[in-house]
């Protein structure tokens, strides 16, 4: 269940970033994919550091997934410019 929630968090973060960063180069699909990948990386790191399983859904994991998605989008945005 946690994996699916991390993907949903990434999807929502990607949509929000498209609204906020409307001048960003690239399309909608690459932005959503990058946000989902970032959310999964953040969620995996949180699960690893908290000694939890990937099936658990914790507030720390959701915040890490959100942070991972935002960081991934910002890194790619900075590398493209």
Protein backbone atom coordinates (compact mmCIF):
# COMPACT_ATOMS: atom_id res chain seq x y z
CA UNK A 1 0.00 0.00 0.00
CA UNK A 2 2.87 2.37 0.79
CA UNK A 3 4.36 1.97 -2.70
CA UNK A 4 1.08 3.00 -4.31
CA UNK A 5 0.72 5.99 -1.98
CA UNK A 6 4.25 7.13 -2.83
CA UNK A 7 3.38 6.97 -6.52
CA UNK A 8 0.22 8.98 -5.92
CA UNK A 9 2.17 11.56 -3.88
CA UNK A 10 4.66 11.83 -6.75
CA UNK A 11 1.86 12.24 -9.26
CA UNK A 12 0.20 14.99 -7.23
CA UNK A 13 3.54 16.71 -6.66
CA UNK A 14 4.25 16.62 -10.38
CA UNK A 15 0.88 18.15 -11.17
CA UNK A 16 1.38 20.86 -8.56
CA UNK A 17 4.85 21.66 -9.89
CA UNK A 18 3.48 22.04 -13.41
CA UNK A 19 1.04 24.65 -12.10
CA UNK A 20 3.62 26.46 -9.96
CA UNK A 21 6.56 26.21 -12.38
CA UNK A 22 4.62 26.86 -15.58
CA UNK A 23 7.71 28.12 -17.42
CA UNK A 24 9.56 24.83 -16.94
CA UNK A 25 10.78 23.21 -20.15
CA UNK A 26 9.54 19.71 -20.86
CA UNK A 27 6.16 18.15 -21.10
CA UNK A 28 3.61 16.95 -18.61
CA UNK A 29 4.53 13.28 -18.83
CA UNK A 30 8.28 13.74 -18.12
CA UNK A 31 7.44 15.98 -15.17
CA UNK A 32 5.07 13.40 -13.71
CA UNK A 33 7.53 10.55 -14.24
CA UNK A 34 10.35 12.49 -12.56
CA UNK A 35 8.11 13.36 -9.62
CA UNK A 36 7.05 9.73 -9.18
CA UNK A 37 10.67 8.55 -9.33
CA UNK A 38 11.65 11.18 -6.77
CA UNK A 39 8.81 10.17 -4.48
CA UNK A 40 9.81 6.52 -4.69
CA UNK A 41 13.44 7.34 -3.92
CA UNK A 42 12.41 9.48 -0.94
CA UNK A 43 10.04 6.79 0.29
CA UNK A 44 12.67 4.07 -0.01
CA UNK A 45 15.21 6.16 1.87
CA UNK A 46 12.68 6.84 4.61
CA UNK A 47 11.79 3.17 4.87
CA UNK A 48 15.46 2.24 5.04
CA UNK A 49 16.35 4.81 7.71
CA UNK A 50 13.28 4.14 9.84
CA UNK A 51 13.82 0.37 9.65
CA UNK A 52 10.31 -0.05 8.26
CA UNK A 53 8.91 -2.11 5.43
CA UNK A 54 7.77 -0.73 2.12
CA UNK A 55 4.20 -1.83 2.80
CA UNK A 56 3.83 0.49 5.78
CA UNK A 57 2.35 3.91 5.36
CA UNK A 58 3.84 6.36 7.82
CA UNK A 59 3.76 10.16 7.95
CA UNK A 60 7.55 10.24 7.80
CA UNK A 61 7.47 8.15 4.63
CA UNK A 62 4.92 10.40 2.98
CA UNK A 63 6.89 13.53 3.84
CA UNK A 64 10.07 11.92 2.53
CA UNK A 65 8.27 10.95 -0.68
CA UNK A 66 7.03 14.52 -1.09
CA UNK A 67 10.49 15.93 -0.42
CA UNK A 68 12.09 13.43 -2.81
CA UNK A 69 9.71 14.37 -5.60
CA UNK A 70 10.30 18.09 -5.14
CA UNK A 71 14.06 17.65 -4.96
CA UNK A 72 14.12 15.49 -8.09
CA UNK A 73 12.12 18.05 -10.05
CA UNK A 74 14.33 20.92 -8.90
CA UNK A 75 17.56 19.04 -9.70
CA UNK A 76 16.40 18.23 -13.21
CA UNK A 77 15.17 21.79 -13.68
CA UNK A 78 18.55 23.20 -12.67
CA UNK A 79 20.44 20.74 -14.89
CA UNK A 80 18.37 21.66 -17.95
CA UNK A 81 18.93 25.41 -17.68
